[in-house]
Amino acid sequence: MEVKGLRPLRKKTGRDHSLVQQRNERLCARVYYLRTLCQLRNEELLAQLQAEFDIAVGTIPQILQKKACQEMFRKLRDQKPQRRYFRQKWPGVVW
């Protein structure tokens, strides 16, 4: 049955927003971990993140400047978590 003036619903295409959020959260945590606990320099950090996340080096700073990432950095700086926190939250990643 078709109603005049109504278009059929289209399925959203593109990337799943929740998966992008999860990736960005893990990326921010990884940056905090590598900078704070491993004390990597920026060049080494970007190279490692590019290899781990398959993201261009130029895209990484854009993601890290988003409001959600900045809030996560503040939270991590306040909590000062150790490796155990990261291992429990993301067990599939080598921390």
N, C-alpha and C. Protein backbone atom coordinates (compact mmCIF):
# COMPACT_ATOMS: atom_id res chain seq x y z
N MET A 1 0.84 -1.17 0.00
CA MET A 1 0.00 0.00 0.00
C MET A 1 0.89 1.24 0.00
N GLU A 2 0.60 2.13 -0.89
CA GLU A 2 1.42 3.33 -1.02
C GLU A 2 0.55 4.54 -0.70
N VAL A 3 1.11 5.44 0.10
CA VAL A 3 0.41 6.66 0.46
C VAL A 3 1.03 7.80 -0.32
N LYS A 4 0.18 8.62 -0.94
CA LYS A 4 0.70 9.74 -1.72
C LYS A 4 1.45 10.72 -0.84
N GLY A 5 2.56 11.21 -1.35
CA GLY A 5 3.33 12.22 -0.64
C GLY A 5 4.35 11.67 0.33
N LEU A 6 4.30 10.38 0.64
CA LEU A 6 5.28 9.79 1.56
C LEU A 6 6.28 8.97 0.77
N ARG A 7 7.52 9.18 1.11
CA ARG A 7 8.58 8.41 0.47
C ARG A 7 8.91 7.20 1.34
N PRO A 8 9.34 6.12 0.72
CA PRO A 8 9.74 4.96 1.54
C PRO A 8 10.98 5.30 2.36
N LEU A 9 11.07 4.70 3.53
CA LEU A 9 12.23 4.93 4.40
C LEU A 9 13.47 4.35 3.76
N ARG A 10 14.53 5.12 3.83
CA ARG A 10 15.80 4.65 3.30
C ARG A 10 16.68 4.17 4.44
N LYS A 11 17.35 3.10 4.19
CA LYS A 11 18.29 2.61 5.17
C LYS A 11 19.53 3.49 5.15
N LYS A 12 20.01 3.87 6.32
CA LYS A 12 21.21 4.70 6.39
C LYS A 12 22.40 3.93 5.84
N THR A 13 23.21 4.64 5.10
CA THR A 13 24.43 4.02 4.58
C THR A 13 25.62 4.72 5.22
N GLY A 14 26.76 4.13 5.06
CA GLY A 14 27.97 4.72 5.63
C GLY A 14 28.40 4.00 6.89
N ARG A 15 29.21 4.69 7.67
CA ARG A 15 29.79 4.09 8.86
C ARG A 15 28.81 4.10 10.01
N ASP A 16 28.86 3.08 10.83
CA ASP A 16 28.02 2.97 12.02
C ASP A 16 28.56 3.94 13.08
N HIS A 17 27.75 4.88 13.49
CA HIS A 17 28.18 5.93 14.42
C HIS A 17 28.68 5.35 15.74
N SER A 18 28.02 4.32 16.24
CA SER A 18 28.46 3.75 17.52
C SER A 18 29.83 3.08 17.40
N LEU A 19 30.11 2.48 16.25
CA LEU A 19 31.43 1.86 16.05
C LEU A 19 32.52 2.93 15.95
N VAL A 20 32.20 4.05 15.32
CA VAL A 20 33.16 5.14 15.21
C VAL A 20 33.45 5.70 16.61
N GLN A 21 32.42 5.83 17.43
CA GLN A 21 32.61 6.31 18.81
C GLN A 21 33.49 5.36 19.61
N GLN A 22 33.26 4.06 19.46
CA GLN A 22 34.07 3.07 20.17
C GLN A 22 35.52 3.15 19.73
N ARG A 23 35.73 3.29 18.42
CA ARG A 23 37.09 3.40 17.90
C ARG A 23 37.78 4.65 18.44
N ASN A 24 37.06 5.76 18.45
CA ASN A 24 37.64 7.01 18.92
C ASN A 24 37.97 6.94 20.41
N GLU A 25 37.11 6.28 21.18
CA GLU A 25 37.39 6.12 22.61
C GLU A 25 38.66 5.31 22.83
N ARG A 26 38.79 4.21 22.08
CA ARG A 26 39.98 3.37 22.21
C ARG A 26 41.22 4.11 21.71
N LEU A 27 41.06 4.90 20.65
CA LEU A 27 42.17 5.70 20.13
C LEU A 27 42.65 6.70 21.17
N CYS A 28 41.72 7.39 21.83
CA CYS A 28 42.09 8.37 22.86
C CYS A 28 42.79 7.68 24.03
N ALA A 29 42.26 6.54 24.43
CA ALA A 29 42.89 5.80 25.53
C ALA A 29 44.30 5.35 25.13
N ARG A 30 44.44 4.93 23.90
CA ARG A 30 45.75 4.47 23.42
C ARG A 30 46.76 5.62 23.39
N VAL A 31 46.30 6.80 22.97
CA VAL A 31 47.18 7.98 22.96
C VAL A 31 47.63 8.30 24.37
N TYR A 32 46.69 8.31 25.31
CA TYR A 32 47.05 8.60 26.70
C TYR A 32 48.06 7.58 27.20
N TYR A 33 47.80 6.31 26.95
CA TYR A 33 48.68 5.23 27.41
C TYR A 33 50.08 5.36 26.81
N LEU A 34 50.15 5.54 25.49
CA LEU A 34 51.45 5.58 24.83
C LEU A 34 52.25 6.82 25.21
N ARG A 35 51.56 7.95 25.41
CA ARG A 35 52.27 9.18 25.80
C ARG A 35 52.67 9.15 27.27
N THR A 36 51.75 8.76 28.11
CA THR A 36 51.98 8.86 29.55
C THR A 36 52.78 7.70 30.12
N LEU A 37 52.34 6.49 29.83
CA LEU A 37 52.99 5.33 30.43
C LEU A 37 54.20 4.83 29.62
N CYS A 38 54.15 4.97 28.30
CA CYS A 38 55.26 4.51 27.47
C CYS A 38 56.19 5.65 27.05
N GLN A 39 55.73 6.87 27.23
CA GLN A 39 56.49 8.08 26.94
C GLN A 39 57.03 8.11 25.50
N LEU A 40 56.15 7.80 24.55
CA LEU A 40 56.54 7.87 23.14
C LEU A 40 56.52 9.31 22.65
N ARG A 41 57.41 9.62 21.72
CA ARG A 41 57.41 10.94 21.08
C ARG A 41 56.30 10.98 20.03
N ASN A 42 55.97 12.19 19.57
CA ASN A 42 54.85 12.34 18.64
C ASN A 42 55.02 11.54 17.36
N GLU A 43 56.21 11.54 16.76
CA GLU A 43 56.41 10.81 15.51
C GLU A 43 56.18 9.31 15.71
N GLU A 44 56.75 8.77 16.78
CA GLU A 44 56.58 7.35 17.08
C GLU A 44 55.12 7.03 17.39
N LEU A 45 54.49 7.92 18.15
CA LEU A 45 53.10 7.75 18.54
C LEU A 45 52.20 7.69 17.31
N LEU A 46 52.35 8.67 16.41
CA LEU A 46 51.51 8.71 15.21
C LEU A 46 51.75 7.51 14.31
N ALA A 47 53.00 7.09 14.18
CA ALA A 47 53.31 5.92 13.36
C ALA A 47 52.65 4.66 13.93
N GLN A 48 52.70 4.50 15.24
CA GLN A 48 52.11 3.32 15.86
C GLN A 48 50.58 3.35 15.74
N LEU A 49 49.98 4.51 15.97
CA LEU A 49 48.52 4.62 15.85
C LEU A 49 48.07 4.38 14.42
N GLN A 50 48.83 4.87 13.46
CA GLN A 50 48.49 4.64 12.06
C GLN A 50 48.48 3.15 11.75
N ALA A 51 49.46 2.44 12.25
CA ALA A 51 49.55 1.00 12.01
C ALA A 51 48.45 0.24 12.74
N GLU A 52 48.14 0.63 13.97
CA GLU A 52 47.14 -0.09 14.77
C GLU A 52 45.71 0.15 14.29
N PHE A 53 45.39 1.38 13.92
CA PHE A 53 44.01 1.75 13.61
C PHE A 53 43.73 1.90 12.12
N ASP A 54 44.76 1.76 11.27
CA ASP A 54 44.60 1.94 9.82
C ASP A 54 43.98 3.31 9.50
N ILE A 55 44.52 4.34 10.13
CA ILE A 55 44.05 5.71 9.93
C ILE A 55 45.24 6.53 9.46
N ALA A 56 44.98 7.45 8.54
CA ALA A 56 46.05 8.33 8.04
C ALA A 56 46.56 9.21 9.17
N VAL A 57 47.84 9.51 9.13
CA VAL A 57 48.48 10.33 10.16
C VAL A 57 47.78 11.68 10.30
N GLY A 58 47.32 12.25 9.20
CA GLY A 58 46.64 13.54 9.24
C GLY A 58 45.26 13.49 9.87
N THR A 59 44.65 12.32 9.88
CA THR A 59 43.30 12.16 10.45
C THR A 59 43.34 12.04 11.97
N ILE A 60 44.41 11.51 12.51
CA ILE A 60 44.50 11.26 13.95
C ILE A 60 44.34 12.54 14.76
N PRO A 61 45.05 13.64 14.46
CA PRO A 61 44.84 14.87 15.23
C PRO A 61 43.42 15.42 15.13
N GLN A 62 42.79 15.24 13.97
CA GLN A 62 41.40 15.69 13.81
C GLN A 62 40.47 14.95 14.76
N ILE A 63 40.67 13.66 14.90
CA ILE A 63 39.85 12.87 15.81
C ILE A 63 40.12 13.27 17.25
N LEU A 64 41.39 13.46 17.58
CA LEU A 64 41.77 13.78 18.96
C LEU A 64 41.30 15.17 19.40
N GLN A 65 41.02 16.05 18.46
CA GLN A 65 40.55 17.39 18.81
C GLN A 65 39.05 17.46 19.02
N LYS A 66 38.34 16.37 18.76
CA LYS A 66 36.89 16.36 18.97
C LYS A 66 36.59 16.46 20.46
N LYS A 67 35.44 17.02 20.76
CA LYS A 67 35.04 17.29 22.14
C LYS A 67 35.04 16.02 23.00
N ALA A 68 34.52 14.93 22.46
CA ALA A 68 34.45 13.68 23.22
C ALA A 68 35.85 13.19 23.62
N CYS A 69 36.81 13.32 22.72
CA CYS A 69 38.18 12.90 23.02
C CYS A 69 38.80 13.81 24.06
N GLN A 70 38.56 15.10 23.96
CA GLN A 70 39.11 16.04 24.93
C GLN A 70 38.56 15.75 26.33
N GLU A 71 37.27 15.42 26.41
CA GLU A 71 36.67 15.08 27.70
C GLU A 71 37.28 13.79 28.25
N MET A 72 37.53 12.83 27.37
CA MET A 72 38.13 11.58 27.82
C MET A 72 39.56 11.81 28.33
N PHE A 73 40.32 12.67 27.64
CA PHE A 73 41.68 12.99 28.11
C PHE A 73 41.63 13.60 29.50
N ARG A 74 40.69 14.52 29.72
CA ARG A 74 40.57 15.14 31.05
C ARG A 74 40.26 14.09 32.12
N LYS A 75 39.36 13.21 31.79
CA LYS A 75 38.98 12.15 32.72
C LYS A 75 40.17 11.24 33.04
N LEU A 76 40.92 10.87 32.01
CA LEU A 76 42.08 10.01 32.22
C LEU A 76 43.17 10.73 33.01
N ARG A 77 43.38 12.02 32.74
CA ARG A 77 44.38 12.77 33.50
C ARG A 77 43.99 12.85 34.97
N ASP A 78 42.71 13.01 35.25
CA ASP A 78 42.25 13.09 36.63
C ASP A 78 42.36 11.75 37.35
N GLN A 79 42.01 10.67 36.65
CA GLN A 79 42.02 9.34 37.26
C GLN A 79 43.41 8.72 37.32
N LYS A 80 44.27 9.07 36.38
CA LYS A 80 45.62 8.50 36.28
C LYS A 80 45.62 6.97 36.34
N PRO A 81 44.89 6.34 35.42
CA PRO A 81 44.81 4.87 35.46
C PRO A 81 46.13 4.20 35.11
N GLN A 82 46.31 3.00 35.58
CA GLN A 82 47.49 2.20 35.26
C GLN A 82 47.13 1.17 34.20
N ARG A 83 48.07 0.35 33.81
CA ARG A 83 47.86 -0.62 32.74
C ARG A 83 46.68 -1.55 33.01
N ARG A 84 46.45 -1.89 34.24
CA ARG A 84 45.37 -2.81 34.60
C ARG A 84 44.02 -2.29 34.09
N TYR A 85 43.79 -0.98 34.22
CA TYR A 85 42.55 -0.37 33.76
C TYR A 85 42.35 -0.61 32.26
N PHE A 86 43.39 -0.36 31.48
CA PHE A 86 43.30 -0.51 30.03
C PHE A 86 43.15 -1.98 29.64
N ARG A 87 43.86 -2.86 30.31
CA ARG A 87 43.77 -4.29 30.02
C ARG A 87 42.37 -4.83 30.29
N GLN A 88 41.74 -4.34 31.36
CA GLN A 88 40.40 -4.81 31.69
C GLN A 88 39.36 -4.24 30.72
N LYS A 89 39.51 -3.01 30.33
CA LYS A 89 38.53 -2.37 29.45
C LYS A 89 38.64 -2.86 28.01
N TRP A 90 39.87 -3.07 27.53
CA TRP A 90 40.09 -3.55 26.16
C TRP A 90 41.03 -4.75 26.20
N PRO A 91 40.50 -5.92 26.54
CA PRO A 91 41.37 -7.11 26.69
C PRO A 91 42.02 -7.59 25.39
N GLY A 92 41.49 -7.21 24.24
CA GLY A 92 42.05 -7.67 22.97
C GLY A 92 43.25 -6.87 22.50
N VAL A 93 43.61 -5.84 23.24
CA VAL A 93 44.73 -4.97 22.84
C VAL A 93 45.91 -5.22 23.76
N VAL A 94 47.11 -5.22 23.21
CA VAL A 94 48.31 -5.41 24.02
C VAL A 94 48.65 -4.08 24.69
N TRP A 95 48.53 -4.04 26.00
CA TRP A 95 48.82 -2.81 26.76
C TRP A 95 50.12 -3.02 27.42
